[in-house]
Amino acid sequence: MSSTRPTTTLWRPTGPRELDLVRELEWRAWPPRLPEQPIFYPVLNEDYAIRIARGWNVKHDGAGFVTRFEVDSEFLGRYPVRQAGGETILELWVPAEELDEFNAHIVGRIAVLHEFH
């Protein structure tokens, strides 16, 4: 008898270049961070992701996307939830050197929920 491990839903606001790399990875992983990006920041609620995609990604990249994905909950326990502002501005800080292991714990595919221009 197999048991399904619990998962946690995360969101990630992203620009078109990062989204192209996710597509190349068949919607199953996030690409490696650039040298100036030591942390990967998934967020814990859709509204916060929408605000970043609309307000930051559109301004800097011409388009913003909100993605949603599931990660093994037990694995995520190693990353404390960080409050980056108000009560609902919650994110995880995944060090760039741990991103391959983080990706290995993604369950299913990364989905695009919203697109802004």
N, C-alpha and C. Protein backbone atom coordinates (compact mmCIF):
# COMPACT_ATOMS: atom_id res chain seq x y z
N MET A 1 0.84 -1.16 0.00
CA MET A 1 0.00 0.00 0.00
C MET A 1 0.90 1.24 0.00
N SER A 2 0.68 2.16 -0.93
CA SER A 2 1.50 3.36 -0.98
C SER A 2 0.74 4.52 -0.35
N SER A 3 1.49 5.37 0.31
CA SER A 3 0.87 6.54 0.91
C SER A 3 1.37 7.78 0.18
N THR A 4 0.49 8.73 0.03
CA THR A 4 0.85 9.98 -0.61
C THR A 4 1.29 10.94 0.48
N ARG A 5 2.47 11.52 0.29
CA ARG A 5 2.98 12.47 1.28
C ARG A 5 2.25 13.79 1.12
N PRO A 6 2.01 14.49 2.22
CA PRO A 6 1.36 15.79 2.12
C PRO A 6 2.25 16.80 1.38
N THR A 7 1.61 17.69 0.65
CA THR A 7 2.34 18.74 -0.06
C THR A 7 1.86 20.11 0.39
N THR A 8 2.68 21.09 0.11
CA THR A 8 2.36 22.49 0.39
C THR A 8 2.34 23.23 -0.94
N THR A 9 1.32 24.05 -1.14
CA THR A 9 1.22 24.86 -2.36
C THR A 9 2.06 26.11 -2.19
N LEU A 10 2.89 26.37 -3.19
CA LEU A 10 3.69 27.59 -3.23
C LEU A 10 3.41 28.32 -4.53
N TRP A 11 3.69 29.60 -4.55
CA TRP A 11 3.54 30.43 -5.75
C TRP A 11 4.87 31.10 -6.02
N ARG A 12 5.08 31.44 -7.28
CA ARG A 12 6.30 32.15 -7.65
C ARG A 12 5.97 33.17 -8.73
N PRO A 13 6.17 34.46 -8.43
CA PRO A 13 6.05 35.46 -9.48
C PRO A 13 7.33 35.41 -10.32
N THR A 14 7.20 35.51 -11.62
CA THR A 14 8.37 35.37 -12.47
C THR A 14 8.22 36.19 -13.74
N GLY A 15 9.33 36.47 -14.35
CA GLY A 15 9.34 37.17 -15.63
C GLY A 15 9.43 36.20 -16.78
N PRO A 16 9.39 36.72 -18.01
CA PRO A 16 9.38 35.84 -19.19
C PRO A 16 10.63 34.99 -19.36
N ARG A 17 11.80 35.51 -19.01
CA ARG A 17 13.03 34.71 -19.21
C ARG A 17 13.06 33.50 -18.30
N GLU A 18 12.74 33.72 -17.01
CA GLU A 18 12.73 32.58 -16.09
C GLU A 18 11.64 31.58 -16.51
N LEU A 19 10.50 32.08 -16.95
CA LEU A 19 9.43 31.18 -17.36
C LEU A 19 9.85 30.33 -18.57
N ASP A 20 10.59 30.92 -19.50
CA ASP A 20 11.11 30.14 -20.64
C ASP A 20 12.01 29.01 -20.16
N LEU A 21 12.83 29.27 -19.14
CA LEU A 21 13.71 28.22 -18.61
C LEU A 21 12.91 27.13 -17.90
N VAL A 22 11.85 27.51 -17.21
CA VAL A 22 10.98 26.51 -16.57
C VAL A 22 10.34 25.63 -17.64
N ARG A 23 9.91 26.25 -18.74
CA ARG A 23 9.33 25.50 -19.86
C ARG A 23 10.35 24.50 -20.41
N GLU A 24 11.60 24.94 -20.56
CA GLU A 24 12.66 24.04 -21.05
C GLU A 24 12.88 22.87 -20.10
N LEU A 25 12.61 23.08 -18.81
CA LEU A 25 12.75 22.02 -17.81
C LEU A 25 11.46 21.22 -17.68
N GLU A 26 10.60 21.35 -18.68
CA GLU A 26 9.33 20.60 -18.77
C GLU A 26 8.41 20.85 -17.58
N TRP A 27 8.43 22.08 -17.05
CA TRP A 27 7.52 22.49 -15.99
C TRP A 27 7.71 21.70 -14.70
N ARG A 28 8.91 21.14 -14.49
CA ARG A 28 9.15 20.30 -13.31
C ARG A 28 10.22 20.85 -12.37
N ALA A 29 10.87 21.97 -12.75
CA ALA A 29 11.96 22.48 -11.91
C ALA A 29 12.18 23.96 -12.19
N TRP A 30 12.85 24.60 -11.23
CA TRP A 30 13.27 25.99 -11.38
C TRP A 30 14.72 26.01 -11.83
N PRO A 31 15.07 26.96 -12.70
CA PRO A 31 16.45 27.01 -13.20
C PRO A 31 17.41 27.48 -12.12
N PRO A 32 18.69 27.17 -12.31
CA PRO A 32 19.70 27.64 -11.34
C PRO A 32 19.66 29.16 -11.21
N ARG A 33 19.99 29.64 -10.05
CA ARG A 33 20.07 31.08 -9.80
C ARG A 33 21.28 31.65 -10.51
N LEU A 34 21.20 32.92 -10.86
CA LEU A 34 22.35 33.64 -11.39
C LEU A 34 23.27 34.02 -10.23
N PRO A 35 24.53 34.33 -10.51
CA PRO A 35 25.45 34.67 -9.40
C PRO A 35 24.93 35.78 -8.48
N GLU A 36 24.19 36.74 -9.03
CA GLU A 36 23.66 37.82 -8.20
C GLU A 36 22.34 37.45 -7.52
N GLN A 37 21.93 36.19 -7.64
CA GLN A 37 20.69 35.70 -7.02
C GLN A 37 21.00 34.54 -6.06
N PRO A 38 21.48 34.85 -4.85
CA PRO A 38 21.88 33.77 -3.93
C PRO A 38 20.71 33.04 -3.28
N ILE A 39 19.50 33.59 -3.42
CA ILE A 39 18.33 33.00 -2.77
C ILE A 39 17.20 32.84 -3.79
N PHE A 40 16.48 31.72 -3.70
CA PHE A 40 15.26 31.47 -4.47
C PHE A 40 14.09 31.74 -3.53
N TYR A 41 13.15 32.59 -3.96
CA TYR A 41 12.07 33.04 -3.10
C TYR A 41 10.70 32.58 -3.59
N PRO A 42 10.23 31.41 -3.22
CA PRO A 42 8.82 31.10 -3.48
C PRO A 42 7.98 31.78 -2.39
N VAL A 43 6.74 32.10 -2.70
CA VAL A 43 5.88 32.78 -1.73
C VAL A 43 4.72 31.88 -1.31
N LEU A 44 4.09 32.24 -0.19
CA LEU A 44 3.08 31.36 0.41
C LEU A 44 1.65 31.74 0.10
N ASN A 45 1.43 32.79 -0.70
CA ASN A 45 0.05 33.06 -1.09
C ASN A 45 -0.02 33.71 -2.46
N GLU A 46 -1.11 33.44 -3.11
CA GLU A 46 -1.32 33.87 -4.49
C GLU A 46 -1.38 35.39 -4.61
N ASP A 47 -2.05 36.05 -3.67
CA ASP A 47 -2.19 37.51 -3.75
C ASP A 47 -0.83 38.21 -3.74
N TYR A 48 0.06 37.77 -2.87
CA TYR A 48 1.40 38.34 -2.80
C TYR A 48 2.13 38.12 -4.14
N ALA A 49 2.02 36.94 -4.70
CA ALA A 49 2.66 36.64 -5.99
C ALA A 49 2.10 37.54 -7.09
N ILE A 50 0.79 37.76 -7.09
CA ILE A 50 0.17 38.63 -8.10
C ILE A 50 0.71 40.05 -7.97
N ARG A 51 0.81 40.54 -6.74
CA ARG A 51 1.32 41.91 -6.55
C ARG A 51 2.75 42.06 -7.08
N ILE A 52 3.59 41.06 -6.86
CA ILE A 52 4.97 41.14 -7.35
C ILE A 52 4.99 41.04 -8.88
N ALA A 53 4.24 40.09 -9.44
CA ALA A 53 4.23 39.91 -10.90
C ALA A 53 3.74 41.17 -11.60
N ARG A 54 2.69 41.76 -11.08
CA ARG A 54 2.12 42.99 -11.68
C ARG A 54 3.03 44.19 -11.47
N GLY A 55 3.48 44.37 -10.24
CA GLY A 55 4.19 45.58 -9.88
C GLY A 55 5.67 45.58 -10.21
N TRP A 56 6.32 44.43 -10.12
CA TRP A 56 7.76 44.38 -10.34
C TRP A 56 8.11 43.76 -11.68
N ASN A 57 7.62 42.55 -11.95
CA ASN A 57 8.00 41.86 -13.19
C ASN A 57 7.57 42.62 -14.43
N VAL A 58 6.35 43.14 -14.44
CA VAL A 58 5.88 43.89 -15.61
C VAL A 58 6.77 45.12 -15.82
N LYS A 59 7.06 45.83 -14.74
CA LYS A 59 7.88 47.04 -14.84
C LYS A 59 9.29 46.73 -15.35
N HIS A 60 9.90 45.65 -14.86
CA HIS A 60 11.29 45.34 -15.20
C HIS A 60 11.45 44.44 -16.42
N ASP A 61 10.45 43.60 -16.71
CA ASP A 61 10.59 42.61 -17.78
C ASP A 61 9.54 42.73 -18.88
N GLY A 62 8.59 43.64 -18.72
CA GLY A 62 7.54 43.80 -19.72
C GLY A 62 6.38 42.83 -19.56
N ALA A 63 6.55 41.82 -18.72
CA ALA A 63 5.50 40.84 -18.46
C ALA A 63 5.77 40.19 -17.11
N GLY A 64 4.70 39.77 -16.47
CA GLY A 64 4.82 39.06 -15.20
C GLY A 64 3.88 37.88 -15.19
N PHE A 65 4.31 36.82 -14.57
CA PHE A 65 3.53 35.58 -14.52
C PHE A 65 3.48 35.10 -13.07
N VAL A 66 2.37 34.49 -12.71
CA VAL A 66 2.24 33.86 -11.39
C VAL A 66 2.15 32.37 -11.64
N THR A 67 3.06 31.63 -11.01
CA THR A 67 3.04 30.18 -11.11
C THR A 67 2.64 29.58 -9.77
N ARG A 68 2.15 28.36 -9.84
CA ARG A 68 1.79 27.60 -8.64
C ARG A 68 2.39 26.21 -8.75
N PHE A 69 2.86 25.69 -7.63
CA PHE A 69 3.43 24.34 -7.63
C PHE A 69 3.35 23.76 -6.23
N GLU A 70 3.49 22.46 -6.15
CA GLU A 70 3.40 21.72 -4.89
C GLU A 70 4.78 21.17 -4.53
N VAL A 71 5.09 21.23 -3.24
CA VAL A 71 6.37 20.71 -2.75
C VAL A 71 6.09 19.85 -1.52
N ASP A 72 6.84 18.78 -1.38
CA ASP A 72 6.73 17.89 -0.23
C ASP A 72 6.80 18.72 1.07
N SER A 73 5.74 18.65 1.87
CA SER A 73 5.64 19.47 3.09
C SER A 73 6.74 19.17 4.10
N GLU A 74 7.06 17.90 4.28
CA GLU A 74 8.09 17.54 5.26
C GLU A 74 9.43 18.16 4.87
N PHE A 75 9.78 18.10 3.60
CA PHE A 75 11.02 18.70 3.12
C PHE A 75 11.03 20.21 3.39
N LEU A 76 9.91 20.88 3.16
CA LEU A 76 9.85 22.34 3.33
C LEU A 76 10.06 22.77 4.78
N GLY A 77 9.90 21.84 5.71
CA GLY A 77 10.09 22.16 7.12
C GLY A 77 11.47 22.73 7.44
N ARG A 78 12.44 22.50 6.58
CA ARG A 78 13.79 23.02 6.82
C ARG A 78 13.90 24.52 6.55
N TYR A 79 12.90 25.09 5.87
CA TYR A 79 12.93 26.52 5.52
C TYR A 79 11.90 27.28 6.35
N PRO A 80 12.35 28.09 7.29
CA PRO A 80 11.37 28.85 8.08
C PRO A 80 10.63 29.86 7.20
N VAL A 81 9.37 30.08 7.53
CA VAL A 81 8.58 31.08 6.81
C VAL A 81 9.10 32.45 7.22
N ARG A 82 9.37 33.28 6.23
CA ARG A 82 9.86 34.65 6.48
C ARG A 82 8.75 35.64 6.18
N GLN A 83 8.56 36.58 7.06
CA GLN A 83 7.58 37.64 6.84
C GLN A 83 8.34 38.83 6.26
N ALA A 84 8.04 39.16 5.00
CA ALA A 84 8.80 40.19 4.28
C ALA A 84 8.08 41.54 4.29
N GLY A 85 7.10 41.68 5.13
CA GLY A 85 6.33 42.92 5.18
C GLY A 85 5.10 42.68 6.04
N GLY A 86 3.93 42.91 5.47
CA GLY A 86 2.67 42.71 6.19
C GLY A 86 2.41 41.25 6.51
N GLU A 87 1.30 41.01 7.20
CA GLU A 87 0.94 39.66 7.66
C GLU A 87 0.89 38.62 6.56
N THR A 88 0.47 39.02 5.36
CA THR A 88 0.32 38.04 4.28
C THR A 88 1.51 38.03 3.32
N ILE A 89 2.55 38.78 3.64
CA ILE A 89 3.73 38.84 2.77
C ILE A 89 4.73 37.82 3.30
N LEU A 90 4.47 36.57 2.94
CA LEU A 90 5.23 35.44 3.46
C LEU A 90 5.97 34.73 2.34
N GLU A 91 7.21 34.36 2.62
CA GLU A 91 8.02 33.68 1.60
C GLU A 91 8.98 32.71 2.28
N LEU A 92 9.55 31.85 1.46
CA LEU A 92 10.61 30.96 1.91
C LEU A 92 11.90 31.43 1.26
N TRP A 93 13.00 31.27 1.96
CA TRP A 93 14.30 31.62 1.40
C TRP A 93 15.08 30.34 1.21
N VAL A 94 15.23 29.92 -0.05
CA VAL A 94 15.94 28.70 -0.39
C VAL A 94 17.30 29.10 -0.94
N PRO A 95 18.39 28.76 -0.26
CA PRO A 95 19.71 29.11 -0.78
C PRO A 95 19.93 28.49 -2.17
N ALA A 96 20.57 29.26 -3.04
CA ALA A 96 20.78 28.82 -4.42
C ALA A 96 21.43 27.44 -4.50
N GLU A 97 22.34 27.15 -3.59
CA GLU A 97 23.04 25.85 -3.64
C GLU A 97 22.13 24.69 -3.25
N GLU A 98 20.94 24.97 -2.72
CA GLU A 98 19.99 23.91 -2.36
C GLU A 98 18.85 23.77 -3.38
N LEU A 99 18.90 24.55 -4.46
CA LEU A 99 17.78 24.55 -5.40
C LEU A 99 17.59 23.21 -6.10
N ASP A 100 18.67 22.49 -6.43
CA ASP A 100 18.50 21.17 -7.06
C ASP A 100 17.73 20.23 -6.14
N GLU A 101 18.08 20.24 -4.86
CA GLU A 101 17.37 19.38 -3.90
C GLU A 101 15.92 19.84 -3.74
N PHE A 102 15.71 21.15 -3.70
CA PHE A 102 14.35 21.69 -3.63
C PHE A 102 13.55 21.21 -4.83
N ASN A 103 14.12 21.33 -6.03
CA ASN A 103 13.44 20.89 -7.26
C ASN A 103 13.08 19.41 -7.20
N ALA A 104 13.94 18.61 -6.60
CA ALA A 104 13.67 17.17 -6.50
C ALA A 104 12.45 16.87 -5.64
N HIS A 105 12.02 17.84 -4.83
CA HIS A 105 10.86 17.65 -3.96
C HIS A 105 9.59 18.32 -4.49
N ILE A 106 9.67 18.87 -5.70
CA ILE A 106 8.45 19.39 -6.34
C ILE A 106 7.60 18.20 -6.76
N VAL A 107 6.32 18.25 -6.46
CA VAL A 107 5.39 17.18 -6.78
C VAL A 107 4.52 17.66 -7.95
N GLY A 108 4.58 16.96 -9.07
CA GLY A 108 3.80 17.36 -10.23
C GLY A 108 4.50 18.45 -11.02
N ARG A 109 3.70 19.25 -11.72
CA ARG A 109 4.24 20.28 -12.61
C ARG A 109 3.98 21.68 -12.08
N ILE A 110 4.81 22.59 -12.54
CA ILE A 110 4.64 24.02 -12.25
C ILE A 110 3.60 24.54 -13.24
N ALA A 111 2.61 25.24 -12.74
CA ALA A 111 1.51 25.74 -13.58
C ALA A 111 1.51 27.26 -13.61
N VAL A 112 1.21 27.85 -14.74
CA VAL A 112 1.03 29.29 -14.85
C VAL A 112 -0.43 29.61 -14.59
N LEU A 113 -0.68 30.49 -13.62
CA LEU A 113 -2.05 30.86 -13.25
C LEU A 113 -2.48 32.21 -13.83
N HIS A 114 -1.54 33.17 -13.83
CA HIS A 114 -1.87 34.53 -14.25
C HIS A 114 -0.75 35.07 -15.12
N GLU A 115 -1.12 35.97 -16.04
CA GLU A 115 -0.16 36.62 -16.92
C GLU A 115 -0.53 38.11 -16.98
N PHE A 116 0.46 38.97 -16.80
CA PHE A 116 0.25 40.42 -16.82
C PHE A 116 1.22 41.06 -17.79
N HIS A 117 0.74 42.11 -18.48
CA HIS A 117 1.59 42.85 -19.44
C HIS A 117 1.44 44.33 -19.20
